[in-house]
Amino acid sequence: MTTPARRWIAGAAAAAVLLAVFAAYLNPHFVFDVANAVWACF
């Protein structure tokens, strides 16, 4: 695989992960559960 193709695939994968994270944060229950999990670590 060539370097530009690999860079494009990596960029597309990173964009997909970011979109999935932003979509998950549209659900307030998910944000609350994550906040509780982080708080439980302390």
PDB file of N, CA and C in Angstrom:
ATOM      1  N   MET A   1       0.858  -1.183   0.000  1.00  0.00           N
ATOM      2  CA  MET A   1       0.000   0.000   0.000  1.00  0.00           C
ATOM      3  C   MET A   1       0.903   1.244   0.000  1.00  0.00           C
ATOM      4  N   THR A   2       0.537   2.206  -0.784  1.00  0.00           N
ATOM      5  CA  THR A   2       1.348   3.411  -0.882  1.00  0.00           C
ATOM      6  C   THR A   2       1.107   4.320   0.318  1.00  0.00           C
ATOM      7  N   THR A   3       2.037   5.231   0.513  1.00  0.00           N
ATOM      8  CA  THR A   3       1.942   6.134   1.665  1.00  0.00           C
ATOM      9  C   THR A   3       0.713   7.048   1.603  1.00  0.00           C
ATOM     10  N   PRO A   4       0.378   7.666   0.455  1.00  0.00           N
ATOM     11  CA  PRO A   4      -0.832   8.506   0.444  1.00  0.00           C
ATOM     12  C   PRO A   4      -2.103   7.716   0.737  1.00  0.00           C
ATOM     13  N   ALA A   5      -2.171   6.482   0.248  1.00  0.00           N
ATOM     14  CA  ALA A   5      -3.360   5.675   0.517  1.00  0.00           C
ATOM     15  C   ALA A   5      -3.447   5.341   2.005  1.00  0.00           C
ATOM     16  N   ARG A   6      -2.319   5.002   2.592  1.00  0.00           N
ATOM     17  CA  ARG A   6      -2.306   4.681   4.021  1.00  0.00           C
ATOM     18  C   ARG A   6      -2.687   5.902   4.849  1.00  0.00           C
ATOM     19  N   ARG A   7      -2.195   7.061   4.446  1.00  0.00           N
ATOM     20  CA  ARG A   7      -2.527   8.300   5.177  1.00  0.00           C
ATOM     21  C   ARG A   7      -4.018   8.602   5.050  1.00  0.00           C
ATOM     22  N   TRP A   8      -4.591   8.381   3.855  1.00  0.00           N
ATOM     23  CA  TRP A   8      -6.016   8.637   3.654  1.00  0.00           C
ATOM     24  C   TRP A   8      -6.851   7.685   4.497  1.00  0.00           C
ATOM     25  N   ILE A   9      -6.467   6.417   4.556  1.00  0.00           N
ATOM     26  CA  ILE A   9      -7.208   5.431   5.357  1.00  0.00           C
ATOM     27  C   ILE A   9      -7.115   5.771   6.840  1.00  0.00           C
ATOM     28  N   ALA A  10      -5.938   6.188   7.293  1.00  0.00           N
ATOM     29  CA  ALA A  10      -5.782   6.572   8.699  1.00  0.00           C
ATOM     30  C   ALA A  10      -6.634   7.800   9.019  1.00  0.00           C
ATOM     31  N   GLY A  11      -6.672   8.762   8.119  1.00  0.00           N
ATOM     32  CA  GLY A  11      -7.487   9.955   8.339  1.00  0.00           C
ATOM     33  C   GLY A  11      -8.968   9.631   8.362  1.00  0.00           C
ATOM     34  N   ALA A  12      -9.389   8.747   7.457  1.00  0.00           N
ATOM     35  CA  ALA A  12     -10.803   8.356   7.426  1.00  0.00           C
ATOM     36  C   ALA A  12     -11.181   7.590   8.695  1.00  0.00           C
ATOM     37  N   ALA A  13     -10.288   6.734   9.180  1.00  0.00           N
ATOM     38  CA  ALA A  13     -10.555   5.983  10.412  1.00  0.00           C
ATOM     39  C   ALA A  13     -10.639   6.935  11.606  1.00  0.00           C
ATOM     40  N   ALA A  14      -9.736   7.905  11.670  1.00  0.00           N
ATOM     41  CA  ALA A  14      -9.762   8.876  12.769  1.00  0.00           C
ATOM     42  C   ALA A  14     -11.042   9.710  12.731  1.00  0.00           C
ATOM     43  N   ALA A  15     -11.462  10.110  11.545  1.00  0.00           N
ATOM     44  CA  ALA A  15     -12.700  10.881  11.418  1.00  0.00           C
ATOM     45  C   ALA A  15     -13.908  10.050  11.834  1.00  0.00           C
ATOM     46  N   ALA A  16     -13.908   8.764  11.489  1.00  0.00           N
ATOM     47  CA  ALA A  16     -15.023   7.896  11.868  1.00  0.00           C
ATOM     48  C   ALA A  16     -15.085   7.734  13.388  1.00  0.00           C
ATOM     49  N   VAL A  17     -13.934   7.588  14.017  1.00  0.00           N
ATOM     50  CA  VAL A  17     -13.908   7.459  15.485  1.00  0.00           C
ATOM     51  C   VAL A  17     -14.408   8.745  16.136  1.00  0.00           C
ATOM     52  N   LEU A  18     -13.967   9.887  15.637  1.00  0.00           N
ATOM     53  CA  LEU A  18     -14.423  11.153  16.209  1.00  0.00           C
ATOM     54  C   LEU A  18     -15.928  11.342  16.030  1.00  0.00           C
ATOM     55  N   LEU A  19     -16.443  10.994  14.864  1.00  0.00           N
ATOM     56  CA  LEU A  19     -17.888  11.104  14.652  1.00  0.00           C
ATOM     57  C   LEU A  19     -18.660  10.168  15.573  1.00  0.00           C
ATOM     58  N   ALA A  20     -18.126   8.974  15.817  1.00  0.00           N
ATOM     59  CA  ALA A  20     -18.800   8.040  16.719  1.00  0.00           C
ATOM     60  C   ALA A  20     -18.813   8.585  18.148  1.00  0.00           C
ATOM     61  N   VAL A  21     -17.713   9.192  18.572  1.00  0.00           N
ATOM     62  CA  VAL A  21     -17.656   9.767  19.922  1.00  0.00           C
ATOM     63  C   VAL A  21     -18.630  10.930  20.046  1.00  0.00           C
ATOM     64  N   PHE A  22     -18.654  11.812  19.058  1.00  0.00           N
ATOM     65  CA  PHE A  22     -19.574  12.943  19.117  1.00  0.00           C
ATOM     66  C   PHE A  22     -21.026  12.473  19.087  1.00  0.00           C
ATOM     67  N   ALA A  23     -21.318  11.446  18.320  1.00  0.00           N
ATOM     68  CA  ALA A  23     -22.680  10.911  18.273  1.00  0.00           C
ATOM     69  C   ALA A  23     -23.061  10.296  19.614  1.00  0.00           C
ATOM     70  N   ALA A  24     -22.111   9.634  20.276  1.00  0.00           N
ATOM     71  CA  ALA A  24     -22.403   9.037  21.579  1.00  0.00           C
ATOM     72  C   ALA A  24     -22.718  10.115  22.611  1.00  0.00           C
ATOM     73  N   TYR A  25     -22.067  11.267  22.509  1.00  0.00           N
ATOM     74  CA  TYR A  25     -22.305  12.334  23.476  1.00  0.00           C
ATOM     75  C   TYR A  25     -23.638  13.043  23.257  1.00  0.00           C
ATOM     76  N   LEU A  26     -24.331  12.739  22.177  1.00  0.00           N
ATOM     77  CA  LEU A  26     -25.665  13.298  21.993  1.00  0.00           C
ATOM     78  C   LEU A  26     -26.672  12.643  22.930  1.00  0.00           C
ATOM     79  N   ASN A  27     -26.295  11.495  23.498  1.00  0.00           N
ATOM     80  CA  ASN A  27     -27.159  10.790  24.444  1.00  0.00           C
ATOM     81  C   ASN A  27     -26.751  11.204  25.860  1.00  0.00           C
ATOM     82  N   PRO A  28     -27.575  11.954  26.583  1.00  0.00           N
ATOM     83  CA  PRO A  28     -27.175  12.440  27.908  1.00  0.00           C
ATOM     84  C   PRO A  28     -26.947  11.316  28.913  1.00  0.00           C
ATOM     85  N   HIS A  29     -27.632  10.191  28.768  1.00  0.00           N
ATOM     86  CA  HIS A  29     -27.424   9.091  29.704  1.00  0.00           C
ATOM     87  C   HIS A  29     -26.015   8.520  29.562  1.00  0.00           C
ATOM     88  N   PHE A  30     -25.514   8.472  28.343  1.00  0.00           N
ATOM     89  CA  PHE A  30     -24.156   7.981  28.111  1.00  0.00           C
ATOM     90  C   PHE A  30     -23.142   8.887  28.793  1.00  0.00           C
ATOM     91  N   VAL A  31     -23.318  10.195  28.662  1.00  0.00           N
ATOM     92  CA  VAL A  31     -22.397  11.149  29.283  1.00  0.00           C
ATOM     93  C   VAL A  31     -22.425  10.986  30.793  1.00  0.00           C
ATOM     94  N   PHE A  32     -23.615  10.815  31.355  1.00  0.00           N
ATOM     95  CA  PHE A  32     -23.748  10.646  32.805  1.00  0.00           C
ATOM     96  C   PHE A  32     -23.060   9.360  33.270  1.00  0.00           C
ATOM     97  N   ASP A  33     -23.230   8.275  32.524  1.00  0.00           N
ATOM     98  CA  ASP A  33     -22.585   7.012  32.889  1.00  0.00           C
ATOM     99  C   ASP A  33     -21.067   7.111  32.812  1.00  0.00           C
ATOM    100  N   VAL A  34     -20.551   7.779  31.787  1.00  0.00           N
ATOM    101  CA  VAL A  34     -19.106   7.948  31.669  1.00  0.00           C
ATOM    102  C   VAL A  34     -18.581   8.812  32.814  1.00  0.00           C
ATOM    103  N   ALA A  35     -19.299   9.877  33.155  1.00  0.00           N
ATOM    104  CA  ALA A  35     -18.873  10.738  34.255  1.00  0.00           C
ATOM    105  C   ALA A  35     -18.856   9.960  35.563  1.00  0.00           C
ATOM    106  N   ASN A  36     -19.852   9.108  35.786  1.00  0.00           N
ATOM    107  CA  ASN A  36     -19.858   8.306  37.006  1.00  0.00           C
ATOM    108  C   ASN A  36     -18.720   7.304  37.020  1.00  0.00           C
ATOM    109  N   ALA A  37     -18.395   6.710  35.888  1.00  0.00           N
ATOM    110  CA  ALA A  37     -17.289   5.760  35.820  1.00  0.00           C
ATOM    111  C   ALA A  37     -15.954   6.445  36.092  1.00  0.00           C
ATOM    112  N   VAL A  38     -15.784   7.634  35.556  1.00  0.00           N
ATOM    113  CA  VAL A  38     -14.546   8.381  35.812  1.00  0.00           C
ATOM    114  C   VAL A  38     -14.467   8.785  37.279  1.00  0.00           C
ATOM    115  N   TRP A  39     -15.580   9.237  37.845  1.00  0.00           N
ATOM    116  CA  TRP A  39     -15.588   9.648  39.242  1.00  0.00           C
ATOM    117  C   TRP A  39     -15.311   8.451  40.164  1.00  0.00           C
ATOM    118  N   ALA A  40     -15.757   7.263  39.769  1.00  0.00           N
ATOM    119  CA  ALA A  40     -15.530   6.066  40.586  1.00  0.00           C
ATOM    120  C   ALA A  40     -14.053   5.703  40.654  1.00  0.00           C
ATOM    121  N   CYS A  41     -13.260   6.164  39.707  1.00  0.00           N
ATOM    122  CA  CYS A  41     -11.826   5.873  39.732  1.00  0.00           C
ATOM    123  C   CYS A  41     -11.124   6.605  40.871  1.00  0.00           C
ATOM    124  N   PHE A  42     -11.721   7.678  41.366  1.00  0.00           N
ATOM    125  CA  PHE A  42     -11.105   8.444  42.442  1.00  0.00           C
ATOM    126  C   PHE A  42     -11.724   8.016  43.720  1.00  0.00           C
TER     127      PHE A  42
END
